[in-house]
Each structure stands twice: as C-alpha cells, then as structure tokens.
Amino acid sequence: MDDKEQLQLAIGKRVKSLREERDIPQQDLAAKCNIEKSNLSRLEAGGTNPTLYTLKRIADNLGISLCDIVNLEDKK
C-alpha cells in the first residue's frame, strides 16, 4: 500500500470515527453535506481521495474543525 492509499484510509477511518462518536447515521451526514451516501461510504473505507472542500463540509456538519479530521499524528 502506497502513501496515498494509507492517507486515504487514515482520513476515512477518522471521518467514520468522528461521525460515530456523534451518533450520526452515514445517510444523514451525506445528506447534510450534499453528497451521495455511497460516496461517503467509499470515503470512510479509504477508497477515494476526498477534496479539501468535501472534508471541510464534513467537518462543518460534524461541528468540528477541518484540523480535527486531518490531524492524524496523535491518532495512530
């Protein structure tokens, strides 16, 4: 697995964890972010390279900062 795939997987796991901590169903978060549930599912599984804009929309709808999603240093 290359660095890009590892980063995508880490970001996806982080988004899923933050969403689940807030007890927000995947379908609800996807709707709030105006993205398809299948795309959010793929993002959480590490199967896609989300744009910064998409991550910002997710962060906003989770009530957190973008930094909370992308700061993976202490999450390993």
PDB file of N, CA and C in Angstrom:
ATOM      1  N   MET A   1       0.850  -1.174   0.000  1.00  0.00           N
ATOM      2  CA  MET A   1       0.000   0.000   0.000  1.00  0.00           C
ATOM      3  C   MET A   1       0.898   1.241   0.000  1.00  0.00           C
ATOM      4  N   ASP A   2       0.648   2.149  -0.923  1.00  0.00           N
ATOM      5  CA  ASP A   2       1.486   3.350  -1.008  1.00  0.00           C
ATOM      6  C   ASP A   2       1.009   4.427  -0.027  1.00  0.00           C
ATOM      7  N   ASP A   3       1.763   5.523   0.044  1.00  0.00           N
ATOM      8  CA  ASP A   3       1.463   6.603   0.986  1.00  0.00           C
ATOM      9  C   ASP A   3       0.080   7.208   0.752  1.00  0.00           C
ATOM     10  N   LYS A   4      -0.289   7.380  -0.516  1.00  0.00           N
ATOM     11  CA  LYS A   4      -1.590   7.959  -0.833  1.00  0.00           C
ATOM     12  C   LYS A   4      -2.716   7.083  -0.302  1.00  0.00           C
ATOM     13  N   GLU A   5      -2.622   5.785  -0.530  1.00  0.00           N
ATOM     14  CA  GLU A   5      -3.649   4.860  -0.066  1.00  0.00           C
ATOM     15  C   GLU A   5      -3.714   4.830   1.455  1.00  0.00           C
ATOM     16  N   GLN A   6      -2.547   4.885   2.109  1.00  0.00           N
ATOM     17  CA  GLN A   6      -2.517   4.890   3.568  1.00  0.00           C
ATOM     18  C   GLN A   6      -3.180   6.148   4.125  1.00  0.00           C
ATOM     19  N   LEU A   7      -2.924   7.283   3.491  1.00  0.00           N
ATOM     20  CA  LEU A   7      -3.529   8.540   3.934  1.00  0.00           C
ATOM     21  C   LEU A   7      -5.039   8.517   3.727  1.00  0.00           C
ATOM     22  N   GLN A   8      -5.483   8.040   2.578  1.00  0.00           N
ATOM     23  CA  GLN A   8      -6.918   7.939   2.306  1.00  0.00           C
ATOM     24  C   GLN A   8      -7.597   7.057   3.341  1.00  0.00           C
ATOM     25  N   LEU A   9      -6.966   5.937   3.676  1.00  0.00           N
ATOM     26  CA  LEU A   9      -7.523   5.027   4.660  1.00  0.00           C
ATOM     27  C   LEU A   9      -7.585   5.681   6.039  1.00  0.00           C
ATOM     28  N   ALA A  10      -6.528   6.373   6.427  1.00  0.00           N
ATOM     29  CA  ALA A  10      -6.489   7.042   7.729  1.00  0.00           C
ATOM     30  C   ALA A  10      -7.546   8.144   7.825  1.00  0.00           C
ATOM     31  N   ILE A  11      -7.686   8.936   6.770  1.00  0.00           N
ATOM     32  CA  ILE A  11      -8.699  10.002   6.761  1.00  0.00           C
ATOM     33  C   ILE A  11     -10.094   9.384   6.827  1.00  0.00           C
ATOM     34  N   GLY A  12     -10.324   8.340   6.060  1.00  0.00           N
ATOM     35  CA  GLY A  12     -11.624   7.670   6.067  1.00  0.00           C
ATOM     36  C   GLY A  12     -11.981   7.117   7.429  1.00  0.00           C
ATOM     37  N   LYS A  13     -11.025   6.471   8.071  1.00  0.00           N
ATOM     38  CA  LYS A  13     -11.269   5.929   9.416  1.00  0.00           C
ATOM     39  C   LYS A  13     -11.560   7.047  10.406  1.00  0.00           C
ATOM     40  N   ARG A  14     -10.854   8.162  10.250  1.00  0.00           N
ATOM     41  CA  ARG A  14     -11.042   9.305  11.145  1.00  0.00           C
ATOM     42  C   ARG A  14     -12.447   9.889  10.971  1.00  0.00           C
ATOM     43  N   VAL A  15     -12.879  10.077   9.735  1.00  0.00           N
ATOM     44  CA  VAL A  15     -14.221  10.603   9.474  1.00  0.00           C
ATOM     45  C   VAL A  15     -15.268   9.672  10.071  1.00  0.00           C
ATOM     46  N   LYS A  16     -15.116   8.387   9.837  1.00  0.00           N
ATOM     47  CA  LYS A  16     -16.084   7.414  10.361  1.00  0.00           C
ATOM     48  C   LYS A  16     -16.125   7.453  11.883  1.00  0.00           C
ATOM     49  N   SER A  17     -14.979   7.488  12.508  1.00  0.00           N
ATOM     50  CA  SER A  17     -14.905   7.535  13.962  1.00  0.00           C
ATOM     51  C   SER A  17     -15.578   8.784  14.519  1.00  0.00           C
ATOM     52  N   LEU A  18     -15.287   9.929  13.926  1.00  0.00           N
ATOM     53  CA  LEU A  18     -15.884  11.182  14.391  1.00  0.00           C
ATOM     54  C   LEU A  18     -17.398  11.185  14.183  1.00  0.00           C
ATOM     55  N   ARG A  19     -17.844  10.620  13.077  1.00  0.00           N
ATOM     56  CA  ARG A  19     -19.289  10.536  12.804  1.00  0.00           C
ATOM     57  C   ARG A  19     -19.978   9.629  13.809  1.00  0.00           C
ATOM     58  N   GLU A  20     -19.363   8.481  14.076  1.00  0.00           N
ATOM     59  CA  GLU A  20     -19.956   7.523  15.007  1.00  0.00           C
ATOM     60  C   GLU A  20     -19.950   8.053  16.440  1.00  0.00           C
ATOM     61  N   GLU A  21     -18.906   8.798  16.828  1.00  0.00           N
ATOM     62  CA  GLU A  21     -18.861   9.415  18.163  1.00  0.00           C
ATOM     63  C   GLU A  21     -20.053  10.336  18.377  1.00  0.00           C
ATOM     64  N   ARG A  22     -20.518  10.946  17.307  1.00  0.00           N
ATOM     65  CA  ARG A  22     -21.641  11.881  17.383  1.00  0.00           C
ATOM     66  C   ARG A  22     -22.977  11.198  17.097  1.00  0.00           C
ATOM     67  N   ASP A  23     -22.927   9.894  16.892  1.00  0.00           N
ATOM     68  CA  ASP A  23     -24.126   9.094  16.650  1.00  0.00           C
ATOM     69  C   ASP A  23     -24.946   9.642  15.472  1.00  0.00           C
ATOM     70  N   ILE A  24     -24.235   9.966  14.387  1.00  0.00           N
ATOM     71  CA  ILE A  24     -24.889  10.471  13.175  1.00  0.00           C
ATOM     72  C   ILE A  24     -24.850   9.364  12.124  1.00  0.00           C
ATOM     73  N   PRO A  25     -26.002   8.940  11.650  1.00  0.00           N
ATOM     74  CA  PRO A  25     -26.018   7.923  10.593  1.00  0.00           C
ATOM     75  C   PRO A  25     -25.320   8.435   9.328  1.00  0.00           C
ATOM     76  N   GLN A  26     -24.710   7.522   8.623  1.00  0.00           N
ATOM     77  CA  GLN A  26     -23.991   7.868   7.392  1.00  0.00           C
ATOM     78  C   GLN A  26     -24.908   8.589   6.409  1.00  0.00           C
ATOM     79  N   GLN A  27     -26.127   8.107   6.270  1.00  0.00           N
ATOM     80  CA  GLN A  27     -27.091   8.712   5.341  1.00  0.00           C
ATOM     81  C   GLN A  27     -27.365  10.168   5.715  1.00  0.00           C
ATOM     82  N   ASP A  28     -27.496  10.448   7.008  1.00  0.00           N
ATOM     83  CA  ASP A  28     -27.791  11.810   7.459  1.00  0.00           C
ATOM     84  C   ASP A  28     -26.625  12.759   7.190  1.00  0.00           C
ATOM     85  N   LEU A  29     -25.410  12.304   7.487  1.00  0.00           N
ATOM     86  CA  LEU A  29     -24.249  13.155   7.239  1.00  0.00           C
ATOM     87  C   LEU A  29     -24.087  13.413   5.745  1.00  0.00           C
ATOM     88  N   ALA A  30     -24.265  12.387   4.952  1.00  0.00           N
ATOM     89  CA  ALA A  30     -24.160  12.556   3.498  1.00  0.00           C
ATOM     90  C   ALA A  30     -25.169  13.585   3.002  1.00  0.00           C
ATOM     91  N   ALA A  31     -26.398  13.501   3.484  1.00  0.00           N
ATOM     92  CA  ALA A  31     -27.439  14.444   3.061  1.00  0.00           C
ATOM     93  C   ALA A  31     -27.080  15.869   3.472  1.00  0.00           C
ATOM     94  N   LYS A  32     -26.595  16.037   4.699  1.00  0.00           N
ATOM     95  CA  LYS A  32     -26.218  17.369   5.174  1.00  0.00           C
ATOM     96  C   LYS A  32     -25.065  17.956   4.354  1.00  0.00           C
ATOM     97  N   CYS A  33     -24.191  17.092   3.884  1.00  0.00           N
ATOM     98  CA  CYS A  33     -23.022  17.534   3.108  1.00  0.00           C
ATOM     99  C   CYS A  33     -23.318  17.622   1.618  1.00  0.00           C
ATOM    100  N   ASN A  34     -24.537  17.222   1.237  1.00  0.00           N
ATOM    101  CA  ASN A  34     -24.947  17.233  -0.163  1.00  0.00           C
ATOM    102  C   ASN A  34     -24.053  16.333  -1.027  1.00  0.00           C
ATOM    103  N   ILE A  35     -23.767  15.144  -0.479  1.00  0.00           N
ATOM    104  CA  ILE A  35     -23.039  14.136  -1.243  1.00  0.00           C
ATOM    105  C   ILE A  35     -23.811  12.822  -1.167  1.00  0.00           C
ATOM    106  N   GLU A  36     -23.576  11.952  -2.107  1.00  0.00           N
ATOM    107  CA  GLU A  36     -24.245  10.648  -2.112  1.00  0.00           C
ATOM    108  C   GLU A  36     -23.738   9.792  -0.955  1.00  0.00           C
ATOM    109  N   LYS A  37     -24.640   9.004  -0.373  1.00  0.00           N
ATOM    110  CA  LYS A  37     -24.249   8.107   0.714  1.00  0.00           C
ATOM    111  C   LYS A  37     -23.156   7.154   0.248  1.00  0.00           C
ATOM    112  N   SER A  38     -23.252   6.688  -0.982  1.00  0.00           N
ATOM    113  CA  SER A  38     -22.248   5.759  -1.498  1.00  0.00           C
ATOM    114  C   SER A  38     -20.868   6.418  -1.557  1.00  0.00           C
ATOM    115  N   ASN A  39     -20.826   7.713  -1.849  1.00  0.00           N
ATOM    116  CA  ASN A  39     -19.543   8.419  -1.878  1.00  0.00           C
ATOM    117  C   ASN A  39     -18.971   8.579  -0.478  1.00  0.00           C
ATOM    118  N   LEU A  40     -19.834   8.866   0.502  1.00  0.00           N
ATOM    119  CA  LEU A  40     -19.361   8.961   1.885  1.00  0.00           C
ATOM    120  C   LEU A  40     -18.881   7.594   2.372  1.00  0.00           C
ATOM    121  N   SER A  41     -19.592   6.562   2.002  1.00  0.00           N
ATOM    122  CA  SER A  41     -19.197   5.210   2.369  1.00  0.00           C
ATOM    123  C   SER A  41     -17.825   4.869   1.801  1.00  0.00           C
ATOM    124  N   ARG A  42     -17.617   5.200   0.550  1.00  0.00           N
ATOM    125  CA  ARG A  42     -16.336   4.947  -0.106  1.00  0.00           C
ATOM    126  C   ARG A  42     -15.223   5.769   0.548  1.00  0.00           C
ATOM    127  N   LEU A  43     -15.527   7.024   0.898  1.00  0.00           N
ATOM    128  CA  LEU A  43     -14.551   7.881   1.578  1.00  0.00           C
ATOM    129  C   LEU A  43     -14.149   7.259   2.917  1.00  0.00           C
ATOM    130  N   GLU A  44     -15.147   6.824   3.701  1.00  0.00           N
ATOM    131  CA  GLU A  44     -14.869   6.242   5.015  1.00  0.00           C
ATOM    132  C   GLU A  44     -14.088   4.937   4.904  1.00  0.00           C
ATOM    133  N   ALA A  45     -14.225   4.239   3.799  1.00  0.00           N
ATOM    134  CA  ALA A  45     -13.500   2.988   3.587  1.00  0.00           C
ATOM    135  C   ALA A  45     -12.101   3.223   3.021  1.00  0.00           C
ATOM    136  N   GLY A  46     -11.780   4.489   2.728  1.00  0.00           N
ATOM    137  CA  GLY A  46     -10.463   4.807   2.188  1.00  0.00           C
ATOM    138  C   GLY A  46     -10.345   4.569   0.703  1.00  0.00           C
ATOM    139  N   GLY A  47     -11.477   4.448   0.035  1.00  0.00           N
ATOM    140  CA  GLY A  47     -11.465   4.133  -1.386  1.00  0.00           C
ATOM    141  C   GLY A  47     -11.495   5.326  -2.315  1.00  0.00           C
ATOM    142  N   THR A  48     -11.432   6.513  -1.756  1.00  0.00           N
ATOM    143  CA  THR A  48     -11.459   7.707  -2.590  1.00  0.00           C
ATOM    144  C   THR A  48     -10.580   8.785  -1.969  1.00  0.00           C
ATOM    145  N   ASN A  49     -10.145   9.706  -2.798  1.00  0.00           N
ATOM    146  CA  ASN A  49      -9.300  10.803  -2.353  1.00  0.00           C
ATOM    147  C   ASN A  49     -10.166  12.057  -2.274  1.00  0.00           C
ATOM    148  N   PRO A  50     -10.711  12.364  -1.081  1.00  0.00           N
ATOM    149  CA  PRO A  50     -11.639  13.489  -0.983  1.00  0.00           C
ATOM    150  C   PRO A  50     -10.946  14.834  -1.183  1.00  0.00           C
ATOM    151  N   THR A  51     -11.695  15.781  -1.722  1.00  0.00           N
ATOM    152  CA  THR A  51     -11.148  17.124  -1.855  1.00  0.00           C
ATOM    153  C   THR A  51     -11.157  17.809  -0.494  1.00  0.00           C
ATOM    154  N   LEU A  52     -10.377  18.848  -0.394  1.00  0.00           N
ATOM    155  CA  LEU A  52     -10.349  19.641   0.827  1.00  0.00           C
ATOM    156  C   LEU A  52     -11.730  20.237   1.095  1.00  0.00           C
ATOM    157  N   TYR A  53     -12.397  20.647   0.041  1.00  0.00           N
ATOM    158  CA  TYR A  53     -13.742  21.212   0.174  1.00  0.00           C
ATOM    159  C   TYR A  53     -14.717  20.186   0.764  1.00  0.00           C
ATOM    160  N   THR A  54     -14.650  18.949   0.302  1.00  0.00           N
ATOM    161  CA  THR A  54     -15.513  17.899   0.832  1.00  0.00           C
ATOM    162  C   THR A  54     -15.216  17.659   2.306  1.00  0.00           C
ATOM    163  N   LEU A  55     -13.948  17.593   2.658  1.00  0.00           N
ATOM    164  CA  LEU A  55     -13.587  17.400   4.061  1.00  0.00           C
ATOM    165  C   LEU A  55     -14.048  18.568   4.927  1.00  0.00           C
ATOM    166  N   LYS A  56     -13.999  19.784   4.390  1.00  0.00           N
ATOM    167  CA  LYS A  56     -14.460  20.960   5.125  1.00  0.00           C
ATOM    168  C   LYS A  56     -15.967  20.883   5.357  1.00  0.00           C
ATOM    169  N   ARG A  57     -16.720  20.464   4.344  1.00  0.00           N
ATOM    170  CA  ARG A  57     -18.172  20.313   4.523  1.00  0.00           C
ATOM    171  C   ARG A  57     -18.482  19.264   5.574  1.00  0.00           C
ATOM    172  N   ILE A  58     -17.740  18.161   5.565  1.00  0.00           N
ATOM    173  CA  ILE A  58     -17.944  17.109   6.563  1.00  0.00           C
ATOM    174  C   ILE A  58     -17.637  17.654   7.954  1.00  0.00           C
ATOM    175  N   ALA A  59     -16.508  18.333   8.093  1.00  0.00           N
ATOM    176  CA  ALA A  59     -16.126  18.900   9.392  1.00  0.00           C
ATOM    177  C   ALA A  59     -17.191  19.865   9.890  1.00  0.00           C
ATOM    178  N   ASP A  60     -17.643  20.758   9.031  1.00  0.00           N
ATOM    179  CA  ASP A  60     -18.669  21.733   9.422  1.00  0.00           C
ATOM    180  C   ASP A  60     -19.927  21.034   9.925  1.00  0.00           C
ATOM    181  N   ASN A  61     -20.337  19.976   9.231  1.00  0.00           N
ATOM    182  CA  ASN A  61     -21.564  19.275   9.611  1.00  0.00           C
ATOM    183  C   ASN A  61     -21.388  18.347  10.805  1.00  0.00           C
ATOM    184  N   LEU A  62     -20.149  18.070  11.172  1.00  0.00           N
ATOM    185  CA  LEU A  62     -19.879  17.324  12.400  1.00  0.00           C
ATOM    186  C   LEU A  62     -19.644  18.274  13.571  1.00  0.00           C
ATOM    187  N   GLY A  63     -19.584  19.566  13.275  1.00  0.00           N
ATOM    188  CA  GLY A  63     -19.368  20.558  14.320  1.00  0.00           C
ATOM    189  C   GLY A  63     -17.935  20.603  14.822  1.00  0.00           C
ATOM    190  N   ILE A  64     -17.007  20.314  13.929  1.00  0.00           N
ATOM    191  CA  ILE A  64     -15.589  20.299  14.284  1.00  0.00           C
ATOM    192  C   ILE A  64     -14.809  21.109  13.250  1.00  0.00           C
ATOM    193  N   SER A  65     -13.522  21.288  13.513  1.00  0.00           N
ATOM    194  CA  SER A  65     -12.688  21.987  12.544  1.00  0.00           C
ATOM    195  C   SER A  65     -12.102  20.990  11.551  1.00  0.00           C
ATOM    196  N   LEU A  66     -11.702  21.499  10.422  1.00  0.00           N
ATOM    197  CA  LEU A  66     -11.036  20.673   9.421  1.00  0.00           C
ATOM    198  C   LEU A  66      -9.790  20.030  10.025  1.00  0.00           C
ATOM    199  N   CYS A  67      -9.102  20.766  10.887  1.00  0.00           N
ATOM    200  CA  CYS A  67      -7.888  20.240  11.540  1.00  0.00           C
ATOM    201  C   CYS A  67      -8.186  18.972  12.335  1.00  0.00           C
ATOM    202  N   ASP A  68      -9.392  18.889  12.914  1.00  0.00           N
ATOM    203  CA  ASP A  68      -9.750  17.696  13.682  1.00  0.00           C
ATOM    204  C   ASP A  68      -9.792  16.450  12.814  1.00  0.00           C
ATOM    205  N   ILE A  69     -10.073  16.618  11.536  1.00  0.00           N
ATOM    206  CA  ILE A  69     -10.102  15.479  10.616  1.00  0.00           C
ATOM    207  C   ILE A  69      -8.698  15.140  10.133  1.00  0.00           C
ATOM    208  N   VAL A  70      -7.937  16.142   9.753  1.00  0.00           N
ATOM    209  CA  VAL A  70      -6.657  15.870   9.098  1.00  0.00           C
ATOM    210  C   VAL A  70      -5.474  15.735  10.042  1.00  0.00           C
ATOM    211  N   ASN A  71      -5.630  16.070  11.318  1.00  0.00           N
ATOM    212  CA  ASN A  71      -4.542  15.904  12.272  1.00  0.00           C
ATOM    213  C   ASN A  71      -4.523  14.438  12.726  1.00  0.00           C
ATOM    214  N   LEU A  72      -3.696  13.655  12.067  1.00  0.00           N
ATOM    215  CA  LEU A  72      -3.634  12.221  12.336  1.00  0.00           C
ATOM    216  C   LEU A  72      -2.459  11.835  13.205  1.00  0.00           C
ATOM    217  N   GLU A  73      -1.619  12.782  13.543  1.00  0.00           N
ATOM    218  CA  GLU A  73      -0.374  12.490  14.278  1.00  0.00           C
ATOM    219  C   GLU A  73      -0.609  11.739  15.580  1.00  0.00           C
ATOM    220  N   ASP A  74      -1.571  12.161  16.366  1.00  0.00           N
ATOM    221  CA  ASP A  74      -1.813  11.522  17.653  1.00  0.00           C
ATOM    222  C   ASP A  74      -2.919  10.465  17.587  1.00  0.00           C
ATOM    223  N   LYS A  75      -3.338  10.098  16.386  1.00  0.00           N
ATOM    224  CA  LYS A  75      -4.428   9.141  16.207  1.00  0.00           C
ATOM    225  C   LYS A  75      -3.940   7.768  15.765  1.00  0.00           C
ATOM    226  N   LYS A  76      -2.622   7.602  15.643  1.00  0.00           N
ATOM    227  CA  LYS A  76      -2.081   6.343  15.121  1.00  0.00           C
ATOM    228  C   LYS A  76      -2.199   5.213  16.111  1.00  0.00           C
TER     229      LYS A  76
END
